[in-house]
C-alpha atoms as a PDB file:
ATOM      1  CA  MET A   1      98.058 105.654 105.916  1.00  0.00           C
ATOM      2  CA  ASN A   2     100.240 102.633 104.530  1.00  0.00           C
ATOM      3  CA  THR A   3      99.914 100.159 107.012  1.00  0.00           C
ATOM      4  CA  GLN A   4     102.935  97.564 104.462  1.00  0.00           C
ATOM      5  CA  PRO A   5     106.499  97.863 105.847  1.00  0.00           C
ATOM      6  CA  LEU A   6     109.091  99.446 104.008  1.00  0.00           C
ATOM      7  CA  VAL A   7     111.011  96.990 101.811  1.00  0.00           C
ATOM      8  CA  SER A   8     114.507  98.104 101.147  1.00  0.00           C
ATOM      9  CA  CYS A   9     115.459  96.181  97.755  1.00  0.00           C
ATOM     10  CA  VAL A  10     119.364  95.587  97.573  1.00  0.00           C
ATOM     11  CA  CYS A  11     121.026  95.843  94.082  1.00  0.00           C
ATOM     12  CA  VAL A  12     125.140  95.164  94.470  1.00  0.00           C
ATOM     13  CA  THR A  13     126.420  96.700  91.190  1.00  0.00           C
ATOM     14  CA  ARG A  14     129.393  96.725  88.918  1.00  0.00           C
ATOM     15  CA  GLY A  15     129.820  97.948  85.733  1.00  0.00           C
ATOM     16  CA  LYS A  16     126.724  96.631  84.133  1.00  0.00           C
ATOM     17  CA  PRO A  17     124.458  99.739  82.838  1.00  0.00           C
ATOM     18  CA  ASP A  18     121.936  98.305  80.659  1.00  0.00           C
ATOM     19  CA  LEU A  19     121.078  95.445  83.657  1.00  0.00           C
ATOM     20  CA  LEU A  20     121.000  97.762  86.153  1.00  0.00           C
ATOM     21  CA  GLN A  21     118.741  99.915  84.821  1.00  0.00           C
ATOM     22  CA  ARG A  22     117.054  96.933  83.696  1.00  0.00           C
ATOM     23  CA  ALA A  23     116.922  95.931  87.414  1.00  0.00           C
ATOM     24  CA  ILE A  24     115.673  99.858  88.293  1.00  0.00           C
ATOM     25  CA  ARG A  25     112.775  99.158  86.102  1.00  0.00           C
ATOM     26  CA  CYS A  26     111.529  96.419  87.383  1.00  0.00           C
ATOM     27  CA  PHE A  27     111.749  97.703  91.004  1.00  0.00           C
ATOM     28  CA  TRP A  28     109.594 100.662  89.422  1.00  0.00           C
ATOM     29  CA  SER A  29     107.060  98.018  88.093  1.00  0.00           C
ATOM     30  CA  GLN A  30     106.390  96.802  91.804  1.00  0.00           C
ATOM     31  CA  THR A  31     102.763  96.674  92.891  1.00  0.00           C
ATOM     32  CA  TYR A  32     103.903  96.402  96.289  1.00  0.00           C
ATOM     33  CA  ALA A  33     104.166 100.248  97.092  1.00  0.00           C
ATOM     34  CA  ASN A  34     106.539 100.738 100.252  1.00  0.00           C
ATOM     35  CA  LYS A  35     109.738 100.383  99.258  1.00  0.00           C
ATOM     36  CA  GLU A  36     112.992 101.798  98.232  1.00  0.00           C
ATOM     37  CA  LEU A  37     116.080 100.756  96.129  1.00  0.00           C
ATOM     38  CA  ILE A  38     119.983 100.488  97.500  1.00  0.00           C
ATOM     39  CA  ILE A  39     122.214 100.912  94.616  1.00  0.00           C
ATOM     40  CA  LEU A  40     125.977  99.667  96.075  1.00  0.00           C
ATOM     41  CA  TYR A  41     128.621 100.564  93.909  1.00  0.00           C
ATOM     42  CA  GLU A  42     132.279 100.570  94.397  1.00  0.00           C
ATOM     43  CA  THR A  43     134.074 103.880  93.425  1.00  0.00           C
ATOM     44  CA  ASN A  44     136.370 103.181  90.142  1.00  0.00           C
ATOM     45  CA  ASP A  45     132.908 101.712  88.484  1.00  0.00           C
ATOM     46  CA  ASP A  46     132.155 105.051  86.302  1.00  0.00           C
ATOM     47  CA  GLU A  47     129.268 103.311  84.684  1.00  0.00           C
ATOM     48  CA  SER A  48     126.952 102.462  87.711  1.00  0.00           C
ATOM     49  CA  ALA A  49     127.982 105.924  88.557  1.00  0.00           C
ATOM     50  CA  LEU A  50     126.513 107.824  85.615  1.00  0.00           C
ATOM     51  CA  VAL A  51     123.370 105.285  85.764  1.00  0.00           C
ATOM     52  CA  VAL A  52     122.810 106.699  89.757  1.00  0.00           C
ATOM     53  CA  ALA A  53     123.509 110.076  88.946  1.00  0.00           C
ATOM     54  CA  SER A  54     120.389 110.339  86.666  1.00  0.00           C
ATOM     55  CA  LEU A  55     118.696 109.509  89.896  1.00  0.00           C
ATOM     56  CA  LEU A  56     119.517 111.861  92.281  1.00  0.00           C
ATOM     57  CA  GLN A  57     115.804 113.402  92.083  1.00  0.00           C
ATOM     58  CA  GLU A  58     113.823 110.008  92.617  1.00  0.00           C
ATOM     59  CA  PRO A  59     113.226 110.025  96.151  1.00  0.00           C
ATOM     60  CA  LEU A  60     112.914 106.155  96.362  1.00  0.00           C
ATOM     61  CA  ILE A  61     116.093 105.395  95.307  1.00  0.00           C
ATOM     62  CA  ARG A  62     119.224 105.791  97.420  1.00  0.00           C
ATOM     63  CA  SER A  63     122.859 105.190  95.971  1.00  0.00           C
ATOM     64  CA  ILE A  64     126.054 104.283  97.849  1.00  0.00           C
ATOM     65  CA  ALA A  65     129.609 104.250  96.773  1.00  0.00           C
ATOM     66  CA  ILE A  66     132.077 101.882  98.494  1.00  0.00           C
ATOM     67  CA  SER A  67     135.475 102.479  98.343  1.00  0.00           C
ATOM     68  CA  HIS A  68     136.994 100.071  95.739  1.00  0.00           C
ATOM     69  CA  SER A  69     140.214  99.653  98.223  1.00  0.00           C
ATOM     70  CA  PRO A  70     140.415  97.970  99.904  1.00  0.00           C
ATOM     71  CA  LYS A  71     138.475  95.236  97.538  1.00  0.00           C
ATOM     72  CA  LEU A  72     135.653  94.007  99.270  1.00  0.00           C
ATOM     73  CA  THR A  73     134.405  90.444  98.239  1.00  0.00           C
ATOM     74  CA  LEU A  74     130.857  90.057  97.222  1.00  0.00           C
ATOM     75  CA  GLY A  75     128.776  88.883 100.652  1.00  0.00           C
ATOM     76  CA  GLU A  76     131.034  91.871 102.521  1.00  0.00           C
ATOM     77  CA  LEU A  77     129.301  94.242  99.810  1.00  0.00           C
ATOM     78  CA  ARG A  78     126.145  92.916 100.310  1.00  0.00           C
ATOM     79  CA  ASN A  79     126.639  93.519 104.394  1.00  0.00           C
ATOM     80  CA  LYS A  80     127.043  97.268 103.360  1.00  0.00           C
ATOM     81  CA  SER A  81     123.984  97.098 101.022  1.00  0.00           C
ATOM     82  CA  ILE A  82     121.823  95.850 104.547  1.00  0.00           C
ATOM     83  CA  GLN A  83     123.264  98.600 106.621  1.00  0.00           C
ATOM     84  CA  GLN A  84     121.803 101.141 104.688  1.00  0.00           C
ATOM     85  CA  CYS A  85     118.147  99.575 104.506  1.00  0.00           C
ATOM     86  CA  GLN A  86     115.417 101.589 106.382  1.00  0.00           C
ATOM     87  CA  GLY A  87     112.875  99.057 105.649  1.00  0.00           C
ATOM     88  CA  GLU A  88     111.098  96.630 107.986  1.00  0.00           C
ATOM     89  CA  TYR A  89     112.498  93.867 105.446  1.00  0.00           C
ATOM     90  CA  PHE A  90     114.829  93.600 102.383  1.00  0.00           C
ATOM     91  CA  CYS A  91     114.674  91.803  99.457  1.00  0.00           C
ATOM     92  CA  GLN A  92     117.670  90.680  97.304  1.00  0.00           C
ATOM     93  CA  TRP A  93     117.614  92.364  93.918  1.00  0.00           C
ATOM     94  CA  ASP A  94     120.846  90.915  91.566  1.00  0.00           C
ATOM     95  CA  ASP A  95     121.187  93.286  88.675  1.00  0.00           C
ATOM     96  CA  ASP A  96     121.875  90.521  86.131  1.00  0.00           C
ATOM     97  CA  ASP A  97     117.783  89.410  86.520  1.00  0.00           C
ATOM     98  CA  TRP A  98     114.196  90.043  85.731  1.00  0.00           C
ATOM     99  CA  TYR A  99     111.598  90.418  88.101  1.00  0.00           C
ATOM    100  CA  HIS A 100     107.973  90.237  88.044  1.00  0.00           C
ATOM    101  CA  PRO A 101     105.415  92.976  88.914  1.00  0.00           C
ATOM    102  CA  ARG A 102     104.349  91.304  91.963  1.00  0.00           C
ATOM    103  CA  ARG A 103     107.178  89.409  93.158  1.00  0.00           C
ATOM    104  CA  LEU A 104     107.443  92.453  96.487  1.00  0.00           C
ATOM    105  CA  GLU A 105     103.252  91.525  96.624  1.00  0.00           C
ATOM    106  CA  PHE A 106     103.626  87.990  96.882  1.00  0.00           C
ATOM    107  CA  GLN A 107     106.838  87.549  98.890  1.00  0.00           C
ATOM    108  CA  PHE A 108     105.541  89.889 101.859  1.00  0.00           C
ATOM    109  CA  ASN A 109     101.886  88.527 101.786  1.00  0.00           C
ATOM    110  CA  ALA A 110     103.500  84.838 102.381  1.00  0.00           C
ATOM    111  CA  ILE A 111     105.875  86.474 105.238  1.00  0.00           C
ATOM    112  CA  ARG A 112     102.719  88.096 106.711  1.00  0.00           C
ATOM    113  CA  GLN A 113     100.826  84.793 106.926  1.00  0.00           C
ATOM    114  CA  THR A 114     103.500  82.603 108.031  1.00  0.00           C
ATOM    115  CA  GLY A 115     104.603  84.996 110.725  1.00  0.00           C
ATOM    116  CA  LEU A 116     108.239  83.792 108.960  1.00  0.00           C
ATOM    117  CA  HIS A 117     110.959  86.076 109.160  1.00  0.00           C
ATOM    118  CA  ALA A 118     111.794  85.519 105.550  1.00  0.00           C
ATOM    119  CA  SER A 119     110.593  83.994 102.399  1.00  0.00           C
ATOM    120  CA  ALA A 120     112.071  82.396  99.249  1.00  0.00           C
ATOM    121  CA  LEU A 121     111.370  80.624  95.773  1.00  0.00           C
ATOM    122  CA  THR A 122     111.599  76.976  95.727  1.00  0.00           C
ATOM    123  CA  HIS A 123     111.170  77.208  92.019  1.00  0.00           C
ATOM    124  CA  TRP A 124     112.105  80.127  89.353  1.00  0.00           C
ATOM    125  CA  LEU A 125     112.619  80.784  85.600  1.00  0.00           C
ATOM    126  CA  LEU A 126     115.853  80.006  83.884  1.00  0.00           C
ATOM    127  CA  PHE A 127     117.189  82.158  80.329  1.00  0.00           C
ATOM    128  CA  ASP A 128     120.129  81.143  78.632  1.00  0.00           C
ATOM    129  CA  ALA A 129     121.578  84.092  76.363  1.00  0.00           C
ATOM    130  CA  ARG A 130     123.567  81.669  74.392  1.00  0.00           C
ATOM    131  CA  THR A 131     120.238  79.659  72.775  1.00  0.00           C
ATOM    132  CA  ASP A 132     117.427  81.716  73.468  1.00  0.00           C
ATOM    133  CA  ASN A 133     115.815  79.141  76.121  1.00  0.00           C
ATOM    134  CA  VAL A 134     113.862  79.298  79.297  1.00  0.00           C
ATOM    135  CA  TYR A 135     113.985  77.147  81.759  1.00  0.00           C
ATOM    136  CA  CYS A 136     112.060  76.031  85.000  1.00  0.00           C
ATOM    137  CA  SER A 137     114.477  75.625  87.430  1.00  0.00           C
ATOM    138  CA  HIS A 138     114.780  71.804  89.742  1.00  0.00           C
ATOM    139  CA  TYR A 139     113.317  72.066  92.980  1.00  0.00           C
ATOM    140  CA  ARG A 140     115.438  74.235  96.316  1.00  0.00           C
ATOM    141  CA  ILE A 141     115.346  77.370  97.832  1.00  0.00           C
ATOM    142  CA  TRP A 142     116.847  79.973  95.547  1.00  0.00           C
ATOM    143  CA  GLU A 143     119.337  81.863  97.764  1.00  0.00           C
ATOM    144  CA  GLY A 144     119.082  85.429  94.939  1.00  0.00           C
ATOM    145  CA  SER A 145     115.055  85.079  95.713  1.00  0.00           C
ATOM    146  CA  ILE A 146     115.467  86.413  99.716  1.00  0.00           C
ATOM    147  CA  MET A 147     113.388  88.650 100.954  1.00  0.00           C
ATOM    148  CA  CYS A 148     114.159  88.933 105.260  1.00  0.00           C
ATOM    149  CA  LYS A 149     113.621  90.710 108.481  1.00  0.00           C
ATOM    150  CA  THR A 150     116.018  93.325 108.144  1.00  0.00           C
ATOM    151  CA  SER A 151     117.113  92.860 111.720  1.00  0.00           C
ATOM    152  CA  VAL A 152     118.039  89.312 111.652  1.00  0.00           C
ATOM    153  CA  ALA A 153     121.091  90.201 108.769  1.00  0.00           C
ATOM    154  CA  LEU A 154     121.743  93.192 110.907  1.00  0.00           C
ATOM    155  CA  THR A 155     122.361  91.564 114.404  1.00  0.00           C
ATOM    156  CA  GLN A 156     122.341  87.546 114.174  1.00  0.00           C
ATOM    157  CA  ILE A 157     123.241  85.924 110.365  1.00  0.00           C
ATOM    158  CA  LYS A 158     125.295  88.169 108.015  1.00  0.00           C
ATOM    159  CA  TYR A 159     127.338  87.195 104.873  1.00  0.00           C
ATOM    160  CA  PRO A 160     130.087  85.027 105.247  1.00  0.00           C
ATOM    161  CA  PRO A 161     133.539  87.324 102.970  1.00  0.00           C
ATOM    162  CA  TYR A 162     133.020  85.340  99.835  1.00  0.00           C
ATOM    163  CA  TYR A 163     133.618  86.219  96.301  1.00  0.00           C
ATOM    164  CA  ARG A 164     130.606  83.979  95.590  1.00  0.00           C
ATOM    165  CA  GLY A 165     128.337  81.550  96.857  1.00  0.00           C
ATOM    166  CA  GLU A 166     128.205  83.807  99.584  1.00  0.00           C
ATOM    167  CA  ASP A 167     124.429  83.861  99.733  1.00  0.00           C
ATOM    168  CA  THR A 168     123.810  79.975 100.390  1.00  0.00           C
ATOM    169  CA  ARG A 169     125.805  80.118 102.909  1.00  0.00           C
ATOM    170  CA  PHE A 170     123.400  83.059 104.599  1.00  0.00           C
ATOM    171  CA  ILE A 171     120.085  81.265 103.263  1.00  0.00           C
ATOM    172  CA  THR A 172     121.165  77.736 104.957  1.00  0.00           C
ATOM    173  CA  GLU A 173     121.863  79.151 108.254  1.00  0.00           C
ATOM    174  CA  LEU A 174     118.749  81.459 108.182  1.00  0.00           C
ATOM    175  CA  TYR A 175     116.892  78.257 107.678  1.00  0.00           C
ATOM    176  CA  ALA A 176     118.575  76.354 110.414  1.00  0.00           C
ATOM    177  CA  GLN A 177     117.760  79.442 112.518  1.00  0.00           C
ATOM    178  CA  HIS A 178     114.456  80.780 111.746  1.00  0.00           C
ATOM    179  CA  GLY A 179     112.747  78.936 108.630  1.00  0.00           C
ATOM    180  CA  ILE A 180     111.808  80.155 105.348  1.00  0.00           C
ATOM    181  CA  CYS A 181     108.329  80.208 103.623  1.00  0.00           C
ATOM    182  CA  HIS A 182     108.868  78.720 100.310  1.00  0.00           C
ATOM    183  CA  LEU A 183     106.823  80.173  97.539  1.00  0.00           C
ATOM    184  CA  PRO A 184     106.773  77.724  94.373  1.00  0.00           C
ATOM    185  CA  LEU A 185     106.097  80.838  92.219  1.00  0.00           C
ATOM    186  CA  PRO A 186     108.897  80.666  88.708  1.00  0.00           C
ATOM    187  CA  MET A 187     107.011  83.171  87.146  1.00  0.00           C
ATOM    188  CA  LEU A 188     108.160  86.059  89.707  1.00  0.00           C
ATOM    189  CA  TYR A 189     111.651  85.759  89.051  1.00  0.00           C
ATOM    190  CA  VAL A 190     113.971  85.291  85.683  1.00  0.00           C
ATOM    191  CA  TYR A 191     117.693  83.998  86.608  1.00  0.00           C
ATOM    192  CA  THR A 192     119.964  84.530  83.484  1.00  0.00           C
ATOM    193  CA  TYR A 193     122.574  83.821  81.989  1.00  0.00           C
ATOM    194  CA  THR A 194     123.803  87.442  80.420  1.00  0.00           C
ATOM    195  CA  GLY A 195     127.964  85.966  80.156  1.00  0.00           C
ATOM    196  CA  LEU A 196     128.814  88.841  82.899  1.00  0.00           C
ATOM    197  CA  ASN A 197     127.859  87.048  86.064  1.00  0.00           C
ATOM    198  CA  THR A 198     130.034  85.805  88.626  1.00  0.00           C
ATOM    199  CA  TRP A 199     129.006  82.093  87.865  1.00  0.00           C
ATOM    200  CA  ASP A 200     130.379  81.313  85.292  1.00  0.00           C
ATOM    201  CA  TYR A 201     128.692  78.926  81.668  1.00  0.00           C
ATOM    202  CA  ASP A 202     129.235  75.836  83.503  1.00  0.00           C
ATOM    203  CA  HIS A 203     127.575  76.377  86.842  1.00  0.00           C
ATOM    204  CA  PHE A 204     124.504  77.635  84.716  1.00  0.00           C
ATOM    205  CA  LYS A 205     124.886  74.592  82.445  1.00  0.00           C
ATOM    206  CA  ARG A 206     124.227  72.287  85.363  1.00  0.00           C
ATOM    207  CA  LEU A 207     121.374  74.287  86.801  1.00  0.00           C
ATOM    208  CA  PHE A 208     120.011  74.129  82.539  1.00  0.00           C
ATOM    209  CA  GLU A 209     120.107  70.035  82.746  1.00  0.00           C
ATOM    210  CA  LYS A 210     118.143  69.854  85.881  1.00  0.00           C
ATOM    211  CA  GLY A 211     115.505  71.917  85.389  1.00  0.00           C
ATOM    212  CA  HIS A 212     112.665  71.363  82.048  1.00  0.00           C
ATOM    213  CA  ARG A 213     112.589  73.557  78.722  1.00  0.00           C
ATOM    214  CA  LEU A 214     109.684  75.320  78.329  1.00  0.00           C
ATOM    215  CA  SER A 215     107.797  75.616  75.143  1.00  0.00           C
ATOM    216  CA  ASP A 216     109.161  78.353  72.427  1.00  0.00           C
ATOM    217  CA  ARG A 217     106.181  80.789  72.812  1.00  0.00           C
ATOM    218  CA  ALA A 218     107.413  81.519  76.401  1.00  0.00           C
ATOM    219  CA  SER A 219     111.025  81.333  75.764  1.00  0.00           C
ATOM    220  CA  THR A 220     110.226  84.329  73.247  1.00  0.00           C
ATOM    221  CA  LEU A 221     108.169  85.876  75.373  1.00  0.00           C
ATOM    222  CA  ILE A 222     110.147  85.945  78.424  1.00  0.00           C
ATOM    223  CA  LYS A 223     113.052  86.691  76.116  1.00  0.00           C
ATOM    224  CA  GLN A 224     111.324  89.728  74.580  1.00  0.00           C
ATOM    225  CA  MET A 225     110.665  90.744  78.353  1.00  0.00           C
ATOM    226  CA  LEU A 226     114.408  90.617  79.020  1.00  0.00           C
ATOM    227  CA  GLN A 227     115.772  92.816  76.113  1.00  0.00           C
ATOM    228  CA  CYS A 228     113.135  95.036  76.874  1.00  0.00           C
ATOM    229  CA  SER A 229     111.497  95.004  73.042  1.00  0.00           C
ATOM    230  CA  SER A 230     108.004  94.472  74.474  1.00  0.00           C
ATOM    231  CA  GLU A 231     106.375  96.623  76.283  1.00  0.00           C
ATOM    232  CA  ASN A 232     103.361  94.862  76.068  1.00  0.00           C
ATOM    233  CA  PRO A 233     101.501  94.258  79.625  1.00  0.00           C
ATOM    234  CA  ARG A 234      99.977  91.341  77.833  1.00  0.00           C
ATOM    235  CA  ASP A 235     103.427  90.031  77.642  1.00  0.00           C
ATOM    236  CA  VAL A 236     104.176  90.188  81.388  1.00  0.00           C
ATOM    237  CA  GLU A 237     100.376  88.779  81.897  1.00  0.00           C
ATOM    238  CA  PHE A 238     101.318  85.739  80.283  1.00  0.00           C
ATOM    239  CA  LEU A 239     103.173  84.555  83.124  1.00  0.00           C
ATOM    240  CA  THR A 240     100.126  84.138  84.716  1.00  0.00           C
ATOM    241  CA  SER A 241      98.266  83.057  82.654  1.00  0.00           C
ATOM    242  CA  ASP A 242      96.080  79.491  82.776  1.00  0.00           C
ATOM    243  CA  THR A 243      98.274  78.827  79.854  1.00  0.00           C
ATOM    244  CA  PHE A 244     101.884  79.358  80.871  1.00  0.00           C
ATOM    245  CA  ILE A 245     100.547  78.261  84.619  1.00  0.00           C
ATOM    246  CA  SER A 246      99.442  74.677  83.422  1.00  0.00           C
ATOM    247  CA  GLU A 247     102.763  74.252  81.683  1.00  0.00           C
ATOM    248  CA  LEU A 248     104.906  75.002  84.908  1.00  0.00           C
ATOM    249  CA  ASP A 249     102.260  72.955  86.904  1.00  0.00           C
ATOM    250  CA  GLN A 250     102.997  69.906  84.784  1.00  0.00           C
ATOM    251  CA  TYR A 251     106.751  69.735  85.155  1.00  0.00           C
ATOM    252  CA  ILE A 252     106.680  70.720  89.416  1.00  0.00           C
ATOM    253  CA  TYR A 253     103.857  68.613  90.714  1.00  0.00           C
ATOM    254  CA  GLN A 254     105.573  65.622  88.743  1.00  0.00           C
ATOM    255  CA  ALA A 255     109.051  66.502  89.861  1.00  0.00           C
ATOM    256  CA  VAL A 256     107.460  66.680  93.840  1.00  0.00           C
ATOM    257  CA  ALA A 257     105.721  63.260  92.861  1.00  0.00           C
END
């Protein structure tokens, strides 16, 4: 009998078939067993429709097609995706980004151990596709990393109807009302500039400048994982190696001090 509560990963996507497929692979690689993936796309998004059509026989993945007229904001689409969740918890699963196989496991364990309704990362990795550089972010509660009790988002706090920045408002209200467990585990999430993001390059550039550039070796391995050109489990294991953790800790704890 599975004693883990179901976690619903919610992915709002549009016109990024290759990135969507990578997000799906990240979902399948998760060590947390009791999970589902909700993919929400608009009815005029033929590229996403082709991807989800190949997943019809996958019991852990459900797709939701939302009418493109009238046009809904990203915040409204996020709310629609959460309404489809069957899980006790939902986890934001953006299509631009890459997720470590143990992301769900670590974030749920933090919720269980603290008794809070939500967990989020205080640092994550940043990848710049223009330069192939990787950075460790500065300290903050990173909105896109949220895992939260679904009932809270259904009955108490909803994403506002914004085209962008909607998750900042959501997480601010969530923190004020319920608190959020903080995880300084940047290796769980690679926030990626692809050129297709909601935010433009200037937004990402400011984040790169606030963060800490990592070694060339780290950048090379992470680029390989993002491009799916590396199928070697050792490359993923590098993210939790003593060498890489030491590199991250040196920056994180110096910044805190």
